[in-house]
């Protein structure tokens, strides 16, 4: 009986996976179309493009005016969906705490 060979997923990873791996545990700020922002540590992204943040904090305006103070609440772990499904929020922006060169290389990840 032949022994089955198990491939190493880290060795087989694509350049896109390697770029995303560099984002692990970095601070990420994600805006959603309803005006809220989520700040947390990047934990993972799945095949559908859903992002999971750890130690996330939600920021939202108390009133609908631009000068309205922001209210915050601690959420812990949160999944932010890639696609719009009612009533789930849609992402409108995503910022990573990293250098300009790293941000430029990440632009190809989102395509």
PDB file of N, CA and C in Angstrom:
ATOM      1  N   UNK A   1       0.844  -1.172   0.000  1.00  0.00           N
ATOM      2  CA  UNK A   1       0.000   0.000   0.000  1.00  0.00           C
ATOM      3  C   UNK A   1       0.893   1.240   0.000  1.00  0.00           C
ATOM      4  N   UNK A   2       0.596   2.181  -0.879  1.00  0.00           N
ATOM      5  CA  UNK A   2       1.394   3.407  -0.980  1.00  0.00           C
ATOM      6  C   UNK A   2       0.952   4.421   0.057  1.00  0.00           C
ATOM      7  N   UNK A   3       1.920   5.140   0.560  1.00  0.00           N
ATOM      8  CA  UNK A   3       1.601   6.202   1.523  1.00  0.00           C
ATOM      9  C   UNK A   3       1.129   7.427   0.757  1.00  0.00           C
ATOM     10  N   UNK A   4       0.058   8.004   1.200  1.00  0.00           N
ATOM     11  CA  UNK A   4      -0.460   9.212   0.553  1.00  0.00           C
ATOM     12  C   UNK A   4       0.419  10.394   0.929  1.00  0.00           C
ATOM     13  N   UNK A   5       0.706  11.214  -0.064  1.00  0.00           N
ATOM     14  CA  UNK A   5       1.502  12.413   0.206  1.00  0.00           C
ATOM     15  C   UNK A   5       0.557  13.574   0.433  1.00  0.00           C
ATOM     16  N   UNK A   6       0.824  14.296   1.451  1.00  0.00           N
ATOM     17  CA  UNK A   6       0.021  15.462   1.781  1.00  0.00           C
ATOM     18  C   UNK A   6       0.832  16.695   1.422  1.00  0.00           C
ATOM     19  N   UNK A   7       0.257  17.532   0.578  1.00  0.00           N
ATOM     20  CA  UNK A   7       0.988  18.744   0.183  1.00  0.00           C
ATOM     21  C   UNK A   7       0.913  19.790   1.287  1.00  0.00           C
ATOM     22  N   UNK A   8       1.954  20.547   1.389  1.00  0.00           N
ATOM     23  CA  UNK A   8       2.038  21.611   2.394  1.00  0.00           C
ATOM     24  C   UNK A   8       1.301  22.832   1.862  1.00  0.00           C
ATOM     25  N   UNK A   9       0.191  23.252   2.490  1.00  0.00           N
ATOM     26  CA  UNK A   9      -0.573  24.389   1.971  1.00  0.00           C
ATOM     27  C   UNK A   9       0.221  25.687   1.968  1.00  0.00           C
ATOM     28  N   UNK A  10       1.165  25.845   2.879  1.00  0.00           N
ATOM     29  CA  UNK A  10       1.956  27.071   2.905  1.00  0.00           C
ATOM     30  C   UNK A  10       2.914  27.113   1.721  1.00  0.00           C
ATOM     31  N   UNK A  11       3.510  25.964   1.388  1.00  0.00           N
ATOM     32  CA  UNK A  11       4.440  25.917   0.260  1.00  0.00           C
ATOM     33  C   UNK A  11       3.714  26.075  -1.068  1.00  0.00           C
ATOM     34  N   UNK A  12       2.448  25.653  -1.143  1.00  0.00           N
ATOM     35  CA  UNK A  12       1.684  25.721  -2.384  1.00  0.00           C
ATOM     36  C   UNK A  12       0.936  27.040  -2.559  1.00  0.00           C
ATOM     37  N   UNK A  13       1.095  27.965  -1.677  1.00  0.00           N
ATOM     38  CA  UNK A  13       0.291  29.179  -1.740  1.00  0.00           C
ATOM     39  C   UNK A  13       0.729  30.094  -2.876  1.00  0.00           C
ATOM     40  N   UNK A  14      -0.238  30.812  -3.394  1.00  0.00           N
ATOM     41  CA  UNK A  14       0.004  31.744  -4.486  1.00  0.00           C
ATOM     42  C   UNK A  14       0.555  33.058  -3.938  1.00  0.00           C
ATOM     43  N   UNK A  15       1.044  33.933  -4.822  1.00  0.00           N
ATOM     44  CA  UNK A  15       1.518  35.246  -4.354  1.00  0.00           C
ATOM     45  C   UNK A  15       0.423  36.071  -3.664  1.00  0.00           C
ATOM     46  N   UNK A  16      -0.833  35.915  -4.120  1.00  0.00           N
ATOM     47  CA  UNK A  16      -1.934  36.643  -3.471  1.00  0.00           C
ATOM     48  C   UNK A  16      -2.135  36.176  -2.039  1.00  0.00           C
ATOM     49  N   UNK A  17      -2.023  34.872  -1.822  1.00  0.00           N
ATOM     50  CA  UNK A  17      -2.158  34.334  -0.466  1.00  0.00           C
ATOM     51  C   UNK A  17      -1.019  34.841   0.411  1.00  0.00           C
ATOM     52  N   UNK A  18       0.175  34.914  -0.156  1.00  0.00           N
ATOM     53  CA  UNK A  18       1.326  35.413   0.603  1.00  0.00           C
ATOM     54  C   UNK A  18       1.119  36.873   1.001  1.00  0.00           C
ATOM     55  N   UNK A  19       0.547  37.678   0.108  1.00  0.00           N
ATOM     56  CA  UNK A  19       0.277  39.092   0.442  1.00  0.00           C
ATOM     57  C   UNK A  19      -0.755  39.196   1.556  1.00  0.00           C
ATOM     58  N   UNK A  20      -1.794  38.380   1.457  1.00  0.00           N
ATOM     59  CA  UNK A  20      -2.814  38.407   2.508  1.00  0.00           C
ATOM     60  C   UNK A  20      -2.257  37.912   3.829  1.00  0.00           C
ATOM     61  N   UNK A  21      -1.365  36.943   3.781  1.00  0.00           N
ATOM     62  CA  UNK A  21      -0.747  36.427   5.010  1.00  0.00           C
ATOM     63  C   UNK A  21       0.026  37.545   5.716  1.00  0.00           C
ATOM     64  N   UNK A  22       0.606  38.467   4.938  1.00  0.00           N
ATOM     65  CA  UNK A  22       1.323  39.598   5.536  1.00  0.00           C
ATOM     66  C   UNK A  22       0.398  40.564   6.265  1.00  0.00           C
ATOM     67  N   UNK A  23      -0.892  40.493   5.982  1.00  0.00           N
ATOM     68  CA  UNK A  23      -1.861  41.377   6.645  1.00  0.00           C
ATOM     69  C   UNK A  23      -2.324  40.850   7.996  1.00  0.00           C
ATOM     70  N   UNK A  24      -2.040  39.602   8.286  1.00  0.00           N
ATOM     71  CA  UNK A  24      -2.536  39.010   9.530  1.00  0.00           C
ATOM     72  C   UNK A  24      -2.182  39.869  10.740  1.00  0.00           C
ATOM     73  N   UNK A  25      -3.159  40.106  11.567  1.00  0.00           N
ATOM     74  CA  UNK A  25      -3.051  40.828  12.839  1.00  0.00           C
ATOM     75  C   UNK A  25      -2.704  42.315  12.669  1.00  0.00           C
ATOM     76  N   UNK A  26      -2.800  42.847  11.471  1.00  0.00           N
ATOM     77  CA  UNK A  26      -2.620  44.286  11.288  1.00  0.00           C
ATOM     78  C   UNK A  26      -3.945  44.982  11.524  1.00  0.00           C
ATOM     79  N   UNK A  27      -3.868  46.242  11.933  1.00  0.00           N
ATOM     80  CA  UNK A  27      -5.079  47.026  12.159  1.00  0.00           C
ATOM     81  C   UNK A  27      -5.708  47.342  10.818  1.00  0.00           C
ATOM     82  N   UNK A  28      -7.029  47.166  10.732  1.00  0.00           N
ATOM     83  CA  UNK A  28      -7.761  47.406   9.499  1.00  0.00           C
ATOM     84  C   UNK A  28      -9.001  48.229   9.832  1.00  0.00           C
ATOM     85  N   UNK A  29      -9.264  49.236   9.006  1.00  0.00           N
ATOM     86  CA  UNK A  29     -10.442  50.078   9.157  1.00  0.00           C
ATOM     87  C   UNK A  29     -11.329  49.833   7.948  1.00  0.00           C
ATOM     88  N   UNK A  30     -12.551  49.355   8.198  1.00  0.00           N
ATOM     89  CA  UNK A  30     -13.478  49.037   7.118  1.00  0.00           C
ATOM     90  C   UNK A  30     -14.720  49.897   7.271  1.00  0.00           C
ATOM     91  N   UNK A  31     -15.065  50.606   6.207  1.00  0.00           N
ATOM     92  CA  UNK A  31     -16.287  51.403   6.175  1.00  0.00           C
ATOM     93  C   UNK A  31     -17.383  50.652   5.452  1.00  0.00           C
ATOM     94  N   UNK A  32     -18.598  50.809   5.910  1.00  0.00           N
ATOM     95  CA  UNK A  32     -19.743  50.198   5.237  1.00  0.00           C
ATOM     96  C   UNK A  32     -20.675  51.307   4.780  1.00  0.00           C
ATOM     97  N   UNK A  33     -21.523  50.979   3.788  1.00  0.00           N
ATOM     98  CA  UNK A  33     -22.328  51.999   3.111  1.00  0.00           C
ATOM     99  C   UNK A  33     -23.345  52.698   3.994  1.00  0.00           C
ATOM    100  N   UNK A  34     -23.680  52.131   5.141  1.00  0.00           N
ATOM    101  CA  UNK A  34     -24.639  52.808   6.016  1.00  0.00           C
ATOM    102  C   UNK A  34     -23.966  53.837   6.928  1.00  0.00           C
ATOM    103  N   UNK A  35     -22.651  54.082   6.726  1.00  0.00           N
ATOM    104  CA  UNK A  35     -21.953  55.134   7.455  1.00  0.00           C
ATOM    105  C   UNK A  35     -21.140  54.653   8.648  1.00  0.00           C
ATOM    106  N   UNK A  36     -21.228  53.388   8.988  1.00  0.00           N
ATOM    107  CA  UNK A  36     -20.458  52.872  10.120  1.00  0.00           C
ATOM    108  C   UNK A  36     -19.049  52.510   9.681  1.00  0.00           C
ATOM    109  N   UNK A  37     -18.135  52.463  10.666  1.00  0.00           N
ATOM    110  CA  UNK A  37     -16.762  52.018  10.456  1.00  0.00           C
ATOM    111  C   UNK A  37     -16.438  50.969  11.497  1.00  0.00           C
ATOM    112  N   UNK A  38     -15.624  49.992  11.095  1.00  0.00           N
ATOM    113  CA  UNK A  38     -15.178  48.951  12.008  1.00  0.00           C
ATOM    114  C   UNK A  38     -13.659  48.948  12.019  1.00  0.00           C
ATOM    115  N   UNK A  39     -13.075  49.036  13.203  1.00  0.00           N
ATOM    116  CA  UNK A  39     -11.626  49.027  13.367  1.00  0.00           C
ATOM    117  C   UNK A  39     -11.264  47.795  14.171  1.00  0.00           C
ATOM    118  N   UNK A  40     -10.358  46.973  13.621  1.00  0.00           N
ATOM    119  CA  UNK A  40      -9.955  45.758  14.329  1.00  0.00           C
ATOM    120  C   UNK A  40      -8.718  45.156  13.706  1.00  0.00           C
ATOM    121  N   UNK A  41      -8.285  44.033  14.254  1.00  0.00           N
ATOM    122  CA  UNK A  41      -7.126  43.305  13.730  1.00  0.00           C
ATOM    123  C   UNK A  41      -7.601  42.307  12.685  1.00  0.00           C
ATOM    124  N   UNK A  42      -6.968  42.352  11.515  1.00  0.00           N
ATOM    125  CA  UNK A  42      -7.322  41.426  10.437  1.00  0.00           C
ATOM    126  C   UNK A  42      -7.034  39.997  10.879  1.00  0.00           C
ATOM    127  N   UNK A  43      -8.071  39.154  10.809  1.00  0.00           N
ATOM    128  CA  UNK A  43      -7.922  37.757  11.217  1.00  0.00           C
ATOM    129  C   UNK A  43      -7.893  36.832  10.007  1.00  0.00           C
ATOM    130  N   UNK A  44      -8.829  37.013   9.065  1.00  0.00           N
ATOM    131  CA  UNK A  44      -8.819  36.183   7.860  1.00  0.00           C
ATOM    132  C   UNK A  44      -9.810  36.714   6.834  1.00  0.00           C
ATOM    133  N   UNK A  45      -9.715  36.147   5.644  1.00  0.00           N
ATOM    134  CA  UNK A  45     -10.665  36.408   4.567  1.00  0.00           C
ATOM    135  C   UNK A  45     -10.990  35.057   3.957  1.00  0.00           C
ATOM    136  N   UNK A  46     -12.259  34.822   3.619  1.00  0.00           N
ATOM    137  CA  UNK A  46     -12.622  33.532   3.049  1.00  0.00           C
ATOM    138  C   UNK A  46     -12.722  33.624   1.529  1.00  0.00           C
ATOM    139  N   UNK A  47     -13.068  32.506   0.880  1.00  0.00           N
ATOM    140  CA  UNK A  47     -13.120  32.459  -0.584  1.00  0.00           C
ATOM    141  C   UNK A  47     -14.157  33.415  -1.159  1.00  0.00           C
ATOM    142  N   UNK A  48     -15.184  33.719  -0.397  1.00  0.00           N
ATOM    143  CA  UNK A  48     -16.227  34.638  -0.852  1.00  0.00           C
ATOM    144  C   UNK A  48     -15.838  36.105  -0.669  1.00  0.00           C
ATOM    145  N   UNK A  49     -14.745  36.368   0.040  1.00  0.00           N
ATOM    146  CA  UNK A  49     -14.291  37.736   0.264  1.00  0.00           C
ATOM    147  C   UNK A  49     -14.782  38.338   1.564  1.00  0.00           C
ATOM    148  N   UNK A  50     -15.432  37.552   2.411  1.00  0.00           N
ATOM    149  CA  UNK A  50     -15.855  38.047   3.722  1.00  0.00           C
ATOM    150  C   UNK A  50     -14.621  38.246   4.592  1.00  0.00           C
ATOM    151  N   UNK A  51     -14.582  39.357   5.324  1.00  0.00           N
ATOM    152  CA  UNK A  51     -13.436  39.677   6.179  1.00  0.00           C
ATOM    153  C   UNK A  51     -13.831  39.475   7.637  1.00  0.00           C
ATOM    154  N   UNK A  52     -12.938  38.866   8.403  1.00  0.00           N
ATOM    155  CA  UNK A  52     -13.156  38.706   9.841  1.00  0.00           C
ATOM    156  C   UNK A  52     -12.123  39.541  10.577  1.00  0.00           C
ATOM    157  N   UNK A  53     -12.610  40.410  11.469  1.00  0.00           N
ATOM    158  CA  UNK A  53     -11.756  41.240  12.309  1.00  0.00           C
ATOM    159  C   UNK A  53     -11.863  40.774  13.753  1.00  0.00           C
ATOM    160  N   UNK A  54     -10.729  40.783  14.463  1.00  0.00           N
ATOM    161  CA  UNK A  54     -10.696  40.489  15.894  1.00  0.00           C
ATOM    162  C   UNK A  54     -10.628  41.803  16.663  1.00  0.00           C
ATOM    163  N   UNK A  55     -11.067  41.789  17.892  1.00  0.00           N
ATOM    164  CA  UNK A  55     -11.021  42.961  18.772  1.00  0.00           C
ATOM    165  C   UNK A  55     -11.590  44.194  18.067  1.00  0.00           C
ATOM    166  N   UNK A  56     -12.696  43.995  17.382  1.00  0.00           N
ATOM    167  CA  UNK A  56     -13.286  45.056  16.570  1.00  0.00           C
ATOM    168  C   UNK A  56     -14.069  46.051  17.420  1.00  0.00           C
ATOM    169  N   UNK A  57     -14.020  47.298  16.974  1.00  0.00           N
ATOM    170  CA  UNK A  57     -14.797  48.380  17.572  1.00  0.00           C
ATOM    171  C   UNK A  57     -15.610  49.014  16.449  1.00  0.00           C
ATOM    172  N   UNK A  58     -16.890  49.228  16.687  1.00  0.00           N
ATOM    173  CA  UNK A  58     -17.777  49.870  15.720  1.00  0.00           C
ATOM    174  C   UNK A  58     -17.868  51.359  16.046  1.00  0.00           C
ATOM    175  N   UNK A  59     -17.774  52.192  15.027  1.00  0.00           N
ATOM    176  CA  UNK A  59     -17.945  53.635  15.158  1.00  0.00           C
ATOM    177  C   UNK A  59     -19.104  54.048  14.265  1.00  0.00           C
ATOM    178  N   UNK A  60     -20.027  54.839  14.829  1.00  0.00           N
ATOM    179  CA  UNK A  60     -21.145  55.336  14.033  1.00  0.00           C
ATOM    180  C   UNK A  60     -21.569  56.704  14.530  1.00  0.00           C
ATOM    181  N   UNK A  61     -22.153  57.475  13.633  1.00  0.00           N
ATOM    182  CA  UNK A  61     -22.645  58.801  13.996  1.00  0.00           C
ATOM    183  C   UNK A  61     -23.927  58.660  14.794  1.00  0.00           C
ATOM    184  N   UNK A  62     -24.057  59.506  15.806  1.00  0.00           N
ATOM    185  CA  UNK A  62     -25.270  59.484  16.628  1.00  0.00           C
ATOM    186  C   UNK A  62     -26.433  60.082  15.848  1.00  0.00           C
ATOM    187  N   UNK A  63     -26.153  61.145  15.081  1.00  0.00           N
ATOM    188  CA  UNK A  63     -27.167  61.781  14.241  1.00  0.00           C
ATOM    189  C   UNK A  63     -26.691  61.741  12.803  1.00  0.00           C
ATOM    190  N   UNK A  64     -27.525  62.105  11.887  1.00  0.00           N
ATOM    191  CA  UNK A  64     -27.211  62.026  10.458  1.00  0.00           C
ATOM    192  C   UNK A  64     -26.453  63.236   9.919  1.00  0.00           C
ATOM    193  N   UNK A  65     -26.056  64.166  10.767  1.00  0.00           N
ATOM    194  CA  UNK A  65     -25.329  65.345  10.280  1.00  0.00           C
ATOM    195  C   UNK A  65     -23.827  65.048  10.219  1.00  0.00           C
ATOM    196  N   UNK A  66     -23.094  65.711   9.316  1.00  0.00           N
ATOM    197  CA  UNK A  66     -21.647  65.453   9.173  1.00  0.00           C
ATOM    198  C   UNK A  66     -20.838  65.784  10.421  1.00  0.00           C
ATOM    199  N   UNK A  67     -21.279  66.754  11.222  1.00  0.00           N
ATOM    200  CA  UNK A  67     -20.538  67.148  12.424  1.00  0.00           C
ATOM    201  C   UNK A  67     -20.992  66.376  13.654  1.00  0.00           C
ATOM    202  N   UNK A  68     -21.767  65.348  13.463  1.00  0.00           N
ATOM    203  CA  UNK A  68     -22.285  64.572  14.583  1.00  0.00           C
ATOM    204  C   UNK A  68     -21.160  63.822  15.294  1.00  0.00           C
ATOM    205  N   UNK A  69     -21.215  63.771  16.638  1.00  0.00           N
ATOM    206  CA  UNK A  69     -20.198  62.993  17.353  1.00  0.00           C
ATOM    207  C   UNK A  69     -20.328  61.504  17.047  1.00  0.00           C
ATOM    208  N   UNK A  70     -19.204  60.803  17.164  1.00  0.00           N
ATOM    209  CA  UNK A  70     -19.187  59.370  16.885  1.00  0.00           C
ATOM    210  C   UNK A  70     -19.417  58.586  18.176  1.00  0.00           C
ATOM    211  N   UNK A  71     -20.225  57.565  18.067  1.00  0.00           N
ATOM    212  CA  UNK A  71     -20.458  56.649  19.170  1.00  0.00           C
ATOM    213  C   UNK A  71     -19.675  55.376  18.871  1.00  0.00           C
ATOM    214  N   UNK A  72     -19.110  54.767  19.893  1.00  0.00           N
ATOM    215  CA  UNK A  72     -18.363  53.530  19.663  1.00  0.00           C
ATOM    216  C   UNK A  72     -18.861  52.429  20.584  1.00  0.00           C
ATOM    217  N   UNK A  73     -18.716  51.193  20.107  1.00  0.00           N
ATOM    218  CA  UNK A  73     -19.014  50.042  20.959  1.00  0.00           C
ATOM    219  C   UNK A  73     -18.088  48.899  20.564  1.00  0.00           C
ATOM    220  N   UNK A  74     -17.656  48.159  21.556  1.00  0.00           N
ATOM    221  CA  UNK A  74     -16.743  47.038  21.354  1.00  0.00           C
ATOM    222  C   UNK A  74     -17.550  45.824  20.902  1.00  0.00           C
ATOM    223  N   UNK A  75     -17.066  45.147  19.854  1.00  0.00           N
ATOM    224  CA  UNK A  75     -17.783  44.015  19.291  1.00  0.00           C
ATOM    225  C   UNK A  75     -17.060  42.689  19.462  1.00  0.00           C
ATOM    226  N   UNK A  76     -15.744  42.699  19.589  1.00  0.00           N
ATOM    227  CA  UNK A  76     -14.991  41.443  19.642  1.00  0.00           C
ATOM    228  C   UNK A  76     -14.681  40.970  18.238  1.00  0.00           C
ATOM    229  N   UNK A  77     -15.170  39.790  17.864  1.00  0.00           N
ATOM    230  CA  UNK A  77     -14.946  39.244  16.515  1.00  0.00           C
ATOM    231  C   UNK A  77     -16.165  39.566  15.665  1.00  0.00           C
ATOM    232  N   UNK A  78     -15.906  40.035  14.431  1.00  0.00           N
ATOM    233  CA  UNK A  78     -16.998  40.400  13.533  1.00  0.00           C
ATOM    234  C   UNK A  78     -16.681  39.957  12.113  1.00  0.00           C
ATOM    235  N   UNK A  79     -17.697  39.486  11.400  1.00  0.00           N
ATOM    236  CA  UNK A  79     -17.579  39.141   9.991  1.00  0.00           C
ATOM    237  C   UNK A  79     -18.230  40.259   9.198  1.00  0.00           C
ATOM    238  N   UNK A  80     -17.479  40.801   8.251  1.00  0.00           N
ATOM    239  CA  UNK A  80     -18.006  41.850   7.383  1.00  0.00           C
ATOM    240  C   UNK A  80     -18.154  41.244   5.996  1.00  0.00           C
ATOM    241  N   UNK A  81     -19.396  41.099   5.520  1.00  0.00           N
ATOM    242  CA  UNK A  81     -19.620  40.410   4.253  1.00  0.00           C
ATOM    243  C   UNK A  81     -19.101  41.198   3.055  1.00  0.00           C
ATOM    244  N   UNK A  82     -18.703  40.462   2.012  1.00  0.00           N
ATOM    245  CA  UNK A  82     -18.221  41.080   0.786  1.00  0.00           C
ATOM    246  C   UNK A  82     -19.381  41.525  -0.087  1.00  0.00           C
ATOM    247  N   UNK A  83     -20.441  40.733  -0.131  1.00  0.00           N
ATOM    248  CA  UNK A  83     -21.578  41.027  -0.995  1.00  0.00           C
ATOM    249  C   UNK A  83     -22.735  41.583  -0.176  1.00  0.00           C
ATOM    250  N   UNK A  84     -23.563  42.378  -0.827  1.00  0.00           N
ATOM    251  CA  UNK A  84     -24.736  42.957  -0.163  1.00  0.00           C
ATOM    252  C   UNK A  84     -25.855  41.937  -0.108  1.00  0.00           C
ATOM    253  N   UNK A  85     -26.305  41.690   1.090  1.00  0.00           N
ATOM    254  CA  UNK A  85     -27.489  40.878   1.313  1.00  0.00           C
ATOM    255  C   UNK A  85     -28.284  41.605   2.381  1.00  0.00           C
ATOM    256  N   UNK A  86     -29.512  41.899   2.128  1.00  0.00           N
ATOM    257  CA  UNK A  86     -30.296  42.600   3.136  1.00  0.00           C
ATOM    258  C   UNK A  86     -30.431  41.723   4.364  1.00  0.00           C
ATOM    259  N   UNK A  87     -30.280  42.223   5.547  1.00  0.00           N
ATOM    260  CA  UNK A  87     -29.913  43.577   5.961  1.00  0.00           C
ATOM    261  C   UNK A  87     -28.413  43.748   6.205  1.00  0.00           C
ATOM    262  N   UNK A  88     -27.575  42.869   5.682  1.00  0.00           N
ATOM    263  CA  UNK A  88     -26.134  42.948   5.931  1.00  0.00           C
ATOM    264  C   UNK A  88     -25.536  44.192   5.267  1.00  0.00           C
ATOM    265  N   UNK A  89     -24.560  44.834   5.933  1.00  0.00           N
ATOM    266  CA  UNK A  89     -23.944  46.037   5.369  1.00  0.00           C
ATOM    267  C   UNK A  89     -22.973  45.690   4.241  1.00  0.00           C
ATOM    268  N   UNK A  90     -22.827  46.595   3.286  1.00  0.00           N
ATOM    269  CA  UNK A  90     -21.872  46.427   2.187  1.00  0.00           C
ATOM    270  C   UNK A  90     -20.631  47.259   2.484  1.00  0.00           C
ATOM    271  N   UNK A  91     -19.471  46.709   2.148  1.00  0.00           N
ATOM    272  CA  UNK A  91     -18.226  47.447   2.363  1.00  0.00           C
ATOM    273  C   UNK A  91     -18.117  48.576   1.359  1.00  0.00           C
ATOM    274  N   UNK A  92     -17.682  49.729   1.843  1.00  0.00           N
ATOM    275  CA  UNK A  92     -17.458  50.864   0.954  1.00  0.00           C
ATOM    276  C   UNK A  92     -15.996  51.277   0.931  1.00  0.00           C
ATOM    277  N   UNK A  93     -15.223  50.912   1.971  1.00  0.00           N
ATOM    278  CA  UNK A  93     -13.797  51.242   2.013  1.00  0.00           C
ATOM    279  C   UNK A  93     -13.083  50.267   2.930  1.00  0.00           C
ATOM    280  N   UNK A  94     -11.771  50.147   2.691  1.00  0.00           N
ATOM    281  CA  UNK A  94     -10.960  49.258   3.503  1.00  0.00           C
ATOM    282  C   UNK A  94      -9.546  49.824   3.549  1.00  0.00           C
ATOM    283  N   UNK A  95      -9.057  50.115   4.744  1.00  0.00           N
ATOM    284  CA  UNK A  95      -7.728  50.687   4.927  1.00  0.00           C
ATOM    285  C   UNK A  95      -6.938  49.818   5.890  1.00  0.00           C
ATOM    286  N   UNK A  96      -5.666  49.602   5.541  1.00  0.00           N
ATOM    287  CA  UNK A  96      -4.791  48.758   6.350  1.00  0.00           C
ATOM    288  C   UNK A  96      -3.664  49.612   6.898  1.00  0.00           C
ATOM    289  N   UNK A  97      -3.302  49.380   8.151  1.00  0.00           N
ATOM    290  CA  UNK A  97      -2.200  50.091   8.783  1.00  0.00           C
ATOM    291  C   UNK A  97      -0.878  49.502   8.274  1.00  0.00           C
ATOM    292  N   UNK A  98      -0.365  50.076   7.166  1.00  0.00           N
ATOM    293  CA  UNK A  98       0.891  49.594   6.582  1.00  0.00           C
ATOM    294  C   UNK A  98       1.508  50.722   5.745  1.00  0.00           C
ATOM    295  N   UNK A  99       2.686  50.460   5.198  1.00  0.00           N
ATOM    296  CA  UNK A  99       3.409  51.468   4.421  1.00  0.00           C
ATOM    297  C   UNK A  99       2.723  51.704   3.069  1.00  0.00           C
ATOM    298  N   UNK A 100       3.078  52.793   2.413  1.00  0.00           N
ATOM    299  CA  UNK A 100       2.519  53.127   1.101  1.00  0.00           C
ATOM    300  C   UNK A 100       2.838  52.030   0.088  1.00  0.00           C
ATOM    301  N   UNK A 101       4.073  51.520   0.098  1.00  0.00           N
ATOM    302  CA  UNK A 101       4.456  50.457  -0.845  1.00  0.00           C
ATOM    303  C   UNK A 101       3.597  49.211  -0.648  1.00  0.00           C
ATOM    304  N   UNK A 102       3.330  48.861   0.609  1.00  0.00           N
ATOM    305  CA  UNK A 102       2.480  47.701   0.877  1.00  0.00           C
ATOM    306  C   UNK A 102       1.054  47.958   0.414  1.00  0.00           C
ATOM    307  N   UNK A 103       0.562  49.184   0.602  1.00  0.00           N
ATOM    308  CA  UNK A 103      -0.785  49.513   0.154  1.00  0.00           C
ATOM    309  C   UNK A 103      -0.897  49.405  -1.358  1.00  0.00           C
ATOM    310  N   UNK A 104       0.126  49.848  -2.077  1.00  0.00           N
ATOM    311  CA  UNK A 104       0.106  49.760  -3.534  1.00  0.00           C
ATOM    312  C   UNK A 104       0.105  48.297  -3.995  1.00  0.00           C
ATOM    313  N   UNK A 105       0.860  47.443  -3.328  1.00  0.00           N
ATOM    314  CA  UNK A 105       0.886  46.031  -3.718  1.00  0.00           C
ATOM    315  C   UNK A 105      -0.426  45.344  -3.392  1.00  0.00           C
ATOM    316  N   UNK A 106      -1.164  45.849  -2.409  1.00  0.00           N
ATOM    317  CA  UNK A 106      -2.451  45.250  -2.051  1.00  0.00           C
ATOM    318  C   UNK A 106      -3.554  45.569  -3.055  1.00  0.00           C
ATOM    319  N   UNK A 107      -3.363  46.596  -3.878  1.00  0.00           N
ATOM    320  CA  UNK A 107      -4.377  46.940  -4.846  1.00  0.00           C
ATOM    321  C   UNK A 107      -4.653  45.783  -5.803  1.00  0.00           C
ATOM    322  N   UNK A 108      -3.655  44.993  -6.122  1.00  0.00           N
ATOM    323  CA  UNK A 108      -3.862  43.855  -7.012  1.00  0.00           C
ATOM    324  C   UNK A 108      -4.594  42.713  -6.329  1.00  0.00           C
ATOM    325  N   UNK A 109      -4.633  42.685  -5.000  1.00  0.00           N
ATOM    326  CA  UNK A 109      -5.352  41.642  -4.272  1.00  0.00           C
ATOM    327  C   UNK A 109      -6.850  41.820  -4.453  1.00  0.00           C
ATOM    328  N   UNK A 110      -7.315  43.048  -4.514  1.00  0.00           N
ATOM    329  CA  UNK A 110      -8.754  43.309  -4.573  1.00  0.00           C
ATOM    330  C   UNK A 110      -9.340  43.119  -5.961  1.00  0.00           C
ATOM    331  N   UNK A 111      -8.540  42.888  -6.961  1.00  0.00           N
ATOM    332  CA  UNK A 111      -9.073  42.736  -8.333  1.00  0.00           C
ATOM    333  C   UNK A 111      -9.638  41.386  -8.575  1.00  0.00           C
TER     334      UNK A 111
END
